[in-house]
Amino acid sequence: MGSATSTCTSASRRVEETRSTRSTLSTLSLSDPPPARSPPSHSHSHSQPQTRQISFSSFGGNLSGRSFATVASNYSGNSSTRPWSRISRRRWNNSTLSSPLLASKTAWPVPYVESLFLPEFKINSDFQTKKYELLNTISQGAFGKVYKVKDIETDELSALKVLSKSQIISDGAIKQVKDEVHIQEVCGHNPFIVSSSVKWQSRKRLFIVTEYIPGGELLSRLETYKKLPEQLVKIYVAEIALVLDFLHNAGVIYRDLKPENLLLNALGHIQLIDFGLSKWLKYGSRTTTLCGTLHYMAPEIANREPYGHAVDWWSLGVIACRMLTDCYPNSEGDVLEGLELSSAAKRLLLRLLDPVPICRLRTLKTLQETAFFKDFNFAEVRAMTICPNDVLKSHFPNGPPDPPKNSTFSDFNDSKVEL
């Protein structure tokens, strides 16, 4: 009986304490300031979160004084535990300058104007730009300029293409630029195509580094020598045809074949550049985009008709006509009327410049079977064993017949260049 009475008394006492606690908490004003947070102690290890004890004994003197609740706070004074998205961009750039592995990563989230050009253009800010010394300006295009630069560490010369993001976005050419670098990256191993080594972006610009070709443009050679000997024309037409055959089999249509986009290396071999108007197009398929350069544009493009890879062979015919005659083909009637040509050269041009795409010469195999290339060794051209500069010197031992009117490749030499 005594034991039962003691148990009831203890239970009644606990109930009274609970009621007293609830009564005290209900009388607290919501405007009372919360207890001040004590500053984090630097004596704790950064790897362990700090723990604060919250006791309700501070709210009233009639509480039992025991810890009523314990809250574990994950606050830490170490900034490395902050979310990756909250780390400042400047700190991230500075911390990765000494590590190429970390420099290849990007902070998240990235600005919208930078995410538009990912993943083709990595975000590297000034990390790559500081590696190059700008020497002079080579040329200028629709979206920016091309500079001749030197690698500070290796003294290797390269061409740096700098494009304006605002101009690209306003012209709706984002996919065009991304396709350009992708095609050049995939097809750059071809010996007649200029390879692209690296590309990146900053907040306002895109940067593309390509191999530097010292010989200038084919256009400059045409302006200097006017008509080229047939032996040299055979080499150039064969090299361009090999490039077109390679691109078409890879599912690429070039659409801007002209002497300005054909550079010459130190030995005089053709090097194709500027894939800005190129497009992935399965062989046999057609597209309808109106683009290109008027003098070298196939009639089906000008007439806004669906067209395929045959448009590149038309452009090759125009270039061959310029090399042989120093003239463009006629736009109306007989395309070769009044032009002095050998019978074999005339038949070749007539087949390349056929206005009907299905009747046009548009394959490498068909080109090899023409009379113009009779007894010509394409294997030597593919292996680059024939030096075009030596062929040119054999026909012009005293140099060009007349001084050149101008040089489109060297008109952009600047004494001071700034990005």
Protein backbone atom coordinates (compact mmCIF):
# COMPACT_ATOMS: atom_id res chain seq x y z
CA MET A 1 0.00 0.00 0.00
CA GLY A 2 2.90 2.37 0.86
CA SER A 3 4.62 1.53 -2.44
CA ALA A 4 1.49 2.37 -4.45
CA THR A 5 1.09 5.69 -2.61
CA SER A 6 4.76 6.62 -3.36
CA THR A 7 4.29 5.82 -7.04
CA CYS A 8 1.17 7.99 -7.27
CA THR A 9 2.94 10.86 -5.49
CA SER A 10 5.90 10.70 -7.96
CA ALA A 11 3.54 10.64 -10.93
CA SER A 12 1.60 13.62 -9.57
CA ARG A 13 4.83 15.55 -9.06
CA ARG A 14 5.92 14.93 -12.72
CA VAL A 15 2.52 16.07 -13.99
CA GLU A 16 2.77 19.27 -11.93
CA GLU A 17 6.26 19.97 -13.29
CA THR A 18 5.00 19.46 -16.86
CA ARG A 19 2.07 21.79 -16.34
CA SER A 20 4.35 24.41 -14.78
CA THR A 21 6.69 24.22 -17.79
CA ARG A 22 3.87 24.63 -20.29
CA SER A 23 2.46 27.55 -18.33
CA THR A 24 5.83 29.31 -18.29
CA LEU A 25 6.38 28.83 -22.05
CA SER A 26 2.91 30.15 -22.89
CA THR A 27 3.59 33.39 -21.02
CA LEU A 28 6.75 34.14 -23.02
CA SER A 29 6.37 37.13 -25.43
CA LEU A 30 7.09 36.51 -29.10
CA SER A 31 8.93 39.82 -29.19
CA ASP A 32 11.58 38.61 -26.78
CA PRO A 33 14.90 38.44 -28.60
CA PRO A 34 16.37 34.97 -29.08
CA PRO A 35 19.50 34.15 -27.18
CA ALA A 36 22.59 35.63 -28.84
CA ARG A 37 24.66 33.21 -30.91
CA SER A 38 28.13 32.87 -29.61
CA PRO A 39 30.88 33.35 -32.19
CA PRO A 40 32.43 30.15 -33.54
CA SER A 41 35.41 28.94 -31.62
CA HIS A 42 38.58 28.67 -33.69
CA SER A 43 39.89 25.98 -31.40
CA HIS A 44 37.54 23.41 -32.93
CA SER A 45 38.63 21.42 -35.95
CA HIS A 46 37.18 22.68 -39.28
CA SER A 47 36.09 19.16 -40.13
CA GLN A 48 33.65 18.91 -37.14
CA PRO A 49 30.42 20.97 -36.93
CA GLN A 50 29.93 23.13 -33.82
CA THR A 51 27.14 22.14 -31.37
CA ARG A 52 25.09 24.63 -29.31
CA GLN A 53 23.18 23.64 -26.13
CA ILE A 54 19.80 25.39 -25.78
CA SER A 55 18.43 25.13 -22.20
CA PHE A 56 14.98 26.35 -21.23
CA SER A 57 16.29 27.12 -17.74
CA SER A 58 17.06 30.63 -18.98
CA PHE A 59 13.36 31.30 -19.58
CA GLY A 60 12.27 30.85 -15.94
CA GLY A 61 13.66 30.08 -12.57
CA ASN A 62 11.14 27.35 -11.75
CA LEU A 63 12.42 24.91 -14.40
CA SER A 64 14.36 21.91 -13.40
CA GLY A 65 17.60 23.17 -14.93
CA ARG A 66 18.10 20.05 -17.05
CA SER A 67 18.81 20.30 -20.81
CA PHE A 68 15.42 20.29 -22.51
CA ALA A 69 16.61 20.16 -26.18
CA THR A 70 19.91 19.97 -28.06
CA VAL A 71 20.34 21.35 -31.59
CA ALA A 72 23.34 20.43 -33.76
CA SER A 73 24.36 23.27 -36.07
CA ASN A 74 26.27 22.57 -39.28
CA TYR A 75 27.77 26.04 -39.32
CA SER A 76 31.48 26.05 -39.94
CA GLY A 77 33.92 28.87 -40.35
CA ASN A 78 35.73 27.08 -43.15
CA SER A 79 34.65 28.53 -46.55
CA SER A 80 35.67 25.33 -48.33
CA THR A 81 32.49 23.67 -47.01
CA ARG A 82 30.29 26.24 -48.74
CA PRO A 83 28.33 25.05 -51.77
CA TRP A 84 30.32 25.09 -55.04
CA SER A 85 27.84 27.52 -56.61
CA ARG A 86 28.54 30.11 -53.85
CA ILE A 87 32.31 30.20 -54.25
CA SER A 88 33.25 33.46 -55.95
CA ARG A 89 34.26 33.24 -59.59
CA ARG A 90 37.39 35.31 -58.98
CA ARG A 91 38.60 32.99 -56.21
CA TRP A 92 37.90 29.99 -58.43
CA ASN A 93 39.96 31.44 -61.31
CA ASN A 94 42.88 32.35 -59.05
CA SER A 95 42.92 28.94 -57.43
CA THR A 96 43.12 27.06 -60.73
CA LEU A 97 45.81 29.02 -62.55
CA SER A 98 48.51 26.67 -61.28
CA SER A 99 46.64 23.45 -62.06
CA PRO A 100 45.78 22.50 -65.68
CA LEU A 101 43.45 19.80 -64.36
CA LEU A 102 41.40 22.24 -62.29
CA ALA A 103 41.53 24.81 -65.09
CA SER A 104 39.57 22.46 -67.32
CA LYS A 105 36.63 22.55 -64.89
CA THR A 106 33.91 25.19 -64.87
CA ALA A 107 32.15 26.87 -61.95
CA TRP A 108 28.45 26.14 -61.69
CA PRO A 109 26.17 27.78 -62.45
CA VAL A 110 27.78 29.60 -65.40
CA PRO A 111 26.35 32.77 -66.99
CA TYR A 112 23.86 32.22 -69.79
CA VAL A 113 26.08 33.93 -72.37
CA GLU A 114 28.80 31.34 -71.62
CA SER A 115 26.55 28.30 -71.39
CA LEU A 116 25.37 28.99 -74.96
CA PHE A 117 28.80 27.99 -76.32
CA LEU A 118 29.42 24.95 -74.12
CA PRO A 119 30.77 22.31 -74.42
CA GLU A 120 32.69 23.23 -77.61
CA PHE A 121 34.28 26.31 -76.01
CA LYS A 122 35.68 25.68 -72.54
CA ILE A 123 35.65 28.48 -69.98
CA ASN A 124 39.26 29.47 -69.41
CA SER A 125 39.13 33.25 -69.10
CA ASP A 126 42.66 34.76 -69.34
CA PHE A 127 44.45 31.49 -68.57
CA GLN A 128 45.03 30.64 -72.26
CA THR A 129 45.17 34.19 -73.62
CA LYS A 130 48.24 35.02 -71.54
CA LYS A 131 50.12 32.16 -73.22
CA TYR A 132 50.28 34.01 -76.54
CA GLU A 133 51.99 37.16 -77.72
CA LEU A 134 50.09 39.02 -80.44
CA LEU A 135 52.29 39.99 -83.39
CA ASN A 136 49.98 41.45 -86.04
CA THR A 137 46.55 41.17 -87.65
CA ILE A 138 46.19 38.73 -90.55
CA SER A 139 42.61 39.30 -91.69
CA GLN A 140 39.18 40.44 -90.59
CA GLY A 141 35.87 38.60 -90.89
CA ALA A 142 32.20 39.11 -90.10
CA PHE A 143 32.49 38.17 -86.41
CA GLY A 144 36.04 39.24 -85.56
CA LYS A 145 39.70 39.22 -86.54
CA VAL A 146 42.47 36.69 -87.09
CA TYR A 147 45.81 37.44 -85.46
CA LYS A 148 49.28 36.06 -85.89
CA VAL A 149 50.48 35.03 -82.41
CA LYS A 150 53.49 33.38 -80.82
CA ASP A 151 53.47 30.92 -77.96
CA ILE A 152 55.50 32.50 -75.17
CA GLU A 153 56.85 29.16 -73.93
CA THR A 154 57.67 27.39 -77.23
CA ASP A 155 57.96 30.34 -79.69
CA GLU A 156 55.63 28.43 -82.02
CA LEU A 157 53.63 30.60 -84.43
CA SER A 158 49.87 30.16 -84.64
CA ALA A 159 46.79 31.95 -85.94
CA LEU A 160 44.36 33.18 -83.27
CA LYS A 161 40.78 33.80 -84.36
CA VAL A 162 38.90 36.13 -81.97
CA LEU A 163 35.12 36.30 -82.39
CA SER A 164 32.60 38.63 -80.77
CA LYS A 165 29.87 36.82 -78.82
CA SER A 166 27.44 39.72 -79.10
CA GLN A 167 27.73 39.75 -82.89
CA ILE A 168 27.29 35.97 -83.12
CA ILE A 169 24.23 36.00 -80.86
CA SER A 170 22.59 38.95 -82.61
CA ASP A 171 23.05 37.23 -85.99
CA GLY A 172 21.70 33.93 -84.67
CA ALA A 173 24.92 32.14 -85.63
CA ILE A 174 25.59 30.16 -82.45
CA LYS A 175 25.02 26.76 -84.07
CA GLN A 176 27.03 27.86 -87.10
CA VAL A 177 30.08 28.70 -84.97
CA LYS A 178 29.80 25.49 -82.93
CA ASP A 179 29.50 23.42 -86.12
CA GLU A 180 32.54 25.20 -87.53
CA VAL A 181 34.86 24.22 -84.69
CA HIS A 182 33.39 20.71 -84.48
CA ILE A 183 33.91 20.03 -88.19
CA GLN A 184 37.44 21.43 -88.11
CA GLU A 185 38.24 19.33 -85.04
CA VAL A 186 36.91 16.12 -86.63
CA CYS A 187 38.41 16.69 -90.10
CA GLY A 188 41.59 18.57 -89.14
CA HIS A 189 43.79 15.47 -89.45
CA ASN A 190 43.55 15.69 -93.25
CA PRO A 191 46.86 17.03 -94.65
CA PHE A 192 45.05 19.60 -96.82
CA ILE A 193 42.96 21.05 -93.97
CA VAL A 194 44.23 23.54 -91.38
CA SER A 195 44.04 21.90 -87.96
CA SER A 196 42.64 23.58 -84.84
CA SER A 197 44.65 22.91 -81.68
CA VAL A 198 42.69 24.62 -78.92
CA LYS A 199 39.64 26.83 -78.35
CA TRP A 200 38.11 28.58 -75.34
CA GLN A 201 35.85 31.47 -74.37
CA SER A 202 35.78 34.50 -72.09
CA ARG A 203 32.80 36.60 -71.06
CA LYS A 204 32.70 38.55 -74.35
CA ARG A 205 34.77 36.63 -76.90
CA LEU A 206 35.51 33.24 -78.45
CA PHE A 207 39.10 32.18 -79.18
CA ILE A 208 40.18 29.59 -81.76
CA VAL A 209 43.87 28.74 -82.24
CA THR A 210 44.81 27.14 -85.56
CA GLU A 211 48.00 26.25 -87.37
CA TYR A 212 49.76 29.24 -88.91
CA ILE A 213 50.16 28.96 -92.71
CA PRO A 214 53.00 31.25 -93.92
CA GLY A 215 52.37 31.19 -97.69
CA GLY A 216 49.33 33.44 -97.78
CA GLU A 217 46.17 33.00 -99.83
CA LEU A 218 45.77 31.46 -103.26
CA LEU A 219 44.11 34.74 -104.23
CA SER A 220 47.40 36.59 -103.72
CA ARG A 221 49.16 34.17 -106.06
CA LEU A 222 46.47 34.63 -108.69
CA GLU A 223 46.73 38.42 -108.44
CA THR A 224 50.51 38.18 -108.73
CA TYR A 225 50.89 35.69 -111.62
CA LYS A 226 47.53 36.18 -113.39
CA LYS A 227 47.33 32.93 -115.38
CA LEU A 228 48.95 29.85 -113.88
CA PRO A 229 50.57 27.10 -115.98
CA GLU A 230 48.40 24.04 -116.61
CA GLN A 231 50.83 21.77 -114.79
CA LEU A 232 50.40 23.82 -111.61
CA VAL A 233 46.63 24.07 -112.11
CA LYS A 234 46.44 20.28 -112.27
CA ILE A 235 48.16 20.03 -108.88
CA TYR A 236 45.90 22.60 -107.25
CA VAL A 237 42.68 21.20 -108.72
CA ALA A 238 43.71 17.69 -107.65
CA GLU A 239 44.49 18.81 -104.09
CA ILE A 240 41.19 20.68 -103.77
CA ALA A 241 39.30 17.70 -105.23
CA LEU A 242 40.93 15.40 -102.65
CA VAL A 243 39.74 17.71 -99.87
CA LEU A 244 36.19 17.88 -101.23
CA ASP A 245 36.03 14.10 -101.64
CA PHE A 246 37.18 13.68 -98.03
CA LEU A 247 34.66 16.19 -96.64
CA HIS A 248 31.73 14.84 -98.63
CA ASN A 249 32.43 11.26 -97.56
CA ALA A 250 32.59 12.53 -93.97
CA GLY A 251 29.10 14.04 -94.35
CA VAL A 252 30.17 17.70 -94.65
CA ILE A 253 29.18 20.25 -97.29
CA TYR A 254 31.62 23.19 -97.45
CA ARG A 255 29.61 25.85 -99.38
CA ASP A 256 32.23 28.63 -99.41
CA LEU A 257 35.04 27.40 -101.64
CA LYS A 258 37.01 30.38 -102.98
CA PRO A 259 40.69 31.46 -103.30
CA GLU A 260 40.47 33.50 -100.09
CA ASN A 261 39.81 30.30 -98.11
CA LEU A 262 42.66 28.38 -99.74
CA LEU A 263 46.02 29.06 -98.08
CA LEU A 264 49.43 27.92 -99.30
CA ASN A 265 51.99 26.38 -96.95
CA ALA A 266 55.75 26.84 -97.20
CA LEU A 267 55.95 24.43 -100.17
CA GLY A 268 52.89 25.85 -101.90
CA HIS A 269 50.40 23.06 -101.06
CA ILE A 270 46.72 23.87 -100.59
CA GLN A 271 45.42 24.31 -97.02
CA LEU A 272 41.66 24.74 -96.56
CA ILE A 273 40.49 27.11 -93.82
CA ASP A 274 37.29 28.81 -92.54
CA PHE A 275 34.49 26.29 -92.03
CA GLY A 276 32.06 29.04 -91.05
CA LEU A 277 29.47 28.09 -93.70
CA SER A 278 30.09 24.35 -93.57
CA LYS A 279 27.33 22.03 -92.47
CA TRP A 280 26.85 18.40 -91.51
CA LEU A 281 24.94 16.92 -94.46
CA LYS A 282 24.64 13.23 -95.21
CA TYR A 283 25.87 12.36 -98.68
CA GLY A 284 22.90 12.38 -101.06
CA SER A 285 20.82 14.70 -98.86
CA ARG A 286 19.91 18.28 -99.73
CA THR A 287 19.54 21.60 -97.94
CA THR A 288 18.06 25.01 -98.80
CA THR A 289 20.09 27.68 -96.94
CA LEU A 290 21.07 30.65 -99.11
CA CYS A 291 24.76 31.25 -98.40
CA GLY A 292 28.16 31.52 -100.07
CA THR A 293 30.08 34.05 -102.18
CA LEU A 294 28.27 35.31 -105.26
CA HIS A 295 31.04 34.72 -107.84
CA TYR A 296 31.48 31.11 -106.66
CA MET A 297 27.84 30.33 -105.89
CA ALA A 298 26.21 27.47 -107.81
CA PRO A 299 23.05 28.40 -109.80
CA GLU A 300 20.80 26.14 -107.69
CA ILE A 301 21.76 28.12 -104.56
CA ALA A 302 21.12 31.46 -106.28
CA ASN A 303 17.75 30.18 -107.51
CA ARG A 304 16.76 29.15 -103.97
CA GLU A 305 16.41 25.51 -104.97
CA PRO A 306 17.30 22.51 -102.76
CA TYR A 307 20.96 21.60 -103.32
CA GLY A 308 23.54 19.04 -102.27
CA HIS A 309 27.30 18.47 -102.32
CA ALA A 310 27.50 19.21 -106.06
CA VAL A 311 27.62 22.96 -105.27
CA ASP A 312 31.23 22.57 -104.05
CA TRP A 313 32.27 21.11 -107.43
CA TRP A 314 30.76 24.12 -109.20
CA SER A 315 32.92 26.39 -107.01
CA LEU A 316 35.96 24.28 -107.93
CA GLY A 317 35.14 24.89 -111.61
CA VAL A 318 35.08 28.67 -111.05
CA ILE A 319 38.45 28.55 -109.26
CA ALA A 320 39.96 26.41 -112.04
CA CYS A 321 38.66 28.90 -114.62
CA ARG A 322 40.31 31.77 -112.76
CA MET A 323 43.62 29.94 -112.51
CA LEU A 324 43.64 29.10 -116.23
CA THR A 325 42.27 32.35 -117.69
CA ASP A 326 42.39 35.03 -114.94
CA CYS A 327 38.65 35.49 -115.59
CA TYR A 328 35.36 34.35 -114.14
CA PRO A 329 33.12 32.17 -116.31
CA ASN A 330 30.30 33.93 -118.12
CA SER A 331 27.07 34.14 -116.16
CA GLU A 332 24.86 33.81 -119.25
CA GLY A 333 25.03 31.71 -122.40
CA ASP A 334 28.29 29.83 -123.02
CA VAL A 335 30.18 29.99 -119.72
CA LEU A 336 33.54 29.75 -121.51
CA GLU A 337 32.84 31.94 -124.54
CA GLY A 338 35.84 34.07 -125.52
CA LEU A 339 38.27 32.32 -123.12
CA GLU A 340 41.54 30.86 -124.41
CA LEU A 341 41.80 27.27 -123.21
CA SER A 342 43.16 23.94 -124.34
CA SER A 343 40.54 21.42 -125.47
CA ALA A 344 41.13 19.20 -122.42
CA ALA A 345 40.86 22.15 -120.01
CA LYS A 346 37.71 23.42 -121.74
CA ARG A 347 36.00 20.02 -121.48
CA LEU A 348 36.91 19.81 -117.79
CA LEU A 349 35.44 23.24 -117.05
CA LEU A 350 32.28 22.53 -119.02
CA ARG A 351 31.66 19.45 -116.91
CA LEU A 352 32.39 21.22 -113.63
CA LEU A 353 30.22 24.21 -114.59
CA ASP A 354 27.23 22.28 -115.81
CA PRO A 355 24.13 24.17 -114.54
CA VAL A 356 22.26 20.89 -114.00
CA PRO A 357 23.57 19.38 -110.72
CA ILE A 358 22.81 15.77 -111.69
CA CYS A 359 24.88 16.15 -114.89
CA ARG A 360 27.75 17.99 -113.21
CA LEU A 361 31.13 16.40 -112.52
CA ARG A 362 30.88 15.82 -108.78
CA THR A 363 33.11 12.89 -107.77
CA LEU A 364 36.86 12.38 -107.49
CA LYS A 365 36.74 9.19 -109.57
CA THR A 366 35.05 10.99 -112.47
CA LEU A 367 37.62 13.80 -112.26
CA GLN A 368 40.51 11.33 -112.51
CA GLU A 369 39.04 9.88 -115.70
CA THR A 370 38.93 13.21 -117.59
CA ALA A 371 41.35 13.99 -120.44
CA PHE A 372 42.78 16.92 -118.45
CA PHE A 373 44.24 14.48 -115.90
CA LYS A 374 45.44 11.86 -118.39
CA ASP A 375 48.69 10.22 -117.13
CA PHE A 376 48.51 12.32 -113.96
CA ASN A 377 49.54 10.60 -110.71
CA PHE A 378 47.05 11.42 -107.94
CA ALA A 379 49.01 9.25 -105.48
CA GLU A 380 51.93 11.70 -105.65
CA VAL A 381 49.57 14.60 -104.99
CA ARG A 382 48.03 12.81 -102.02
CA ALA A 383 51.51 12.13 -100.59
CA MET A 384 52.61 15.74 -101.31
CA THR A 385 55.72 14.58 -103.14
CA ILE A 386 55.23 17.20 -105.87
CA CYS A 387 56.26 20.71 -104.77
CA PRO A 388 53.98 23.39 -106.34
CA ASN A 389 56.53 26.14 -105.68
CA ASP A 390 59.15 24.28 -107.72
CA VAL A 391 56.70 23.93 -110.60
CA LEU A 392 55.95 27.65 -110.45
CA LYS A 393 59.65 28.58 -110.44
CA SER A 394 60.30 26.37 -113.46
CA HIS A 395 57.75 28.39 -115.47
CA PHE A 396 58.68 31.79 -113.99
CA PRO A 397 62.45 31.63 -113.32
CA ASN A 398 62.62 35.44 -113.15
CA GLY A 399 59.68 35.80 -110.79
CA PRO A 400 56.18 37.12 -111.51
CA PRO A 401 55.62 38.90 -114.83
CA ASP A 402 54.38 42.12 -113.19
CA PRO A 403 54.55 43.45 -109.64
CA PRO A 404 51.42 42.57 -107.62
CA LYS A 405 48.70 45.21 -107.36
CA ASN A 406 48.13 44.50 -103.67
CA SER A 407 48.47 41.77 -101.11
CA THR A 408 45.25 40.83 -99.37
CA PHE A 409 47.13 38.69 -96.87
CA SER A 410 49.55 41.33 -95.58
CA ASP A 411 47.40 44.46 -95.67
CA PHE A 412 46.53 44.03 -92.00
CA ASN A 413 49.98 44.40 -90.41
CA ASP A 414 49.41 46.44 -87.24
CA SER A 415 52.15 47.97 -85.17
CA LYS A 416 50.11 47.44 -82.02
CA VAL A 417 47.40 44.86 -81.49
CA GLU A 418 45.11 44.59 -78.49
CA LEU A 419 42.38 42.08 -77.74
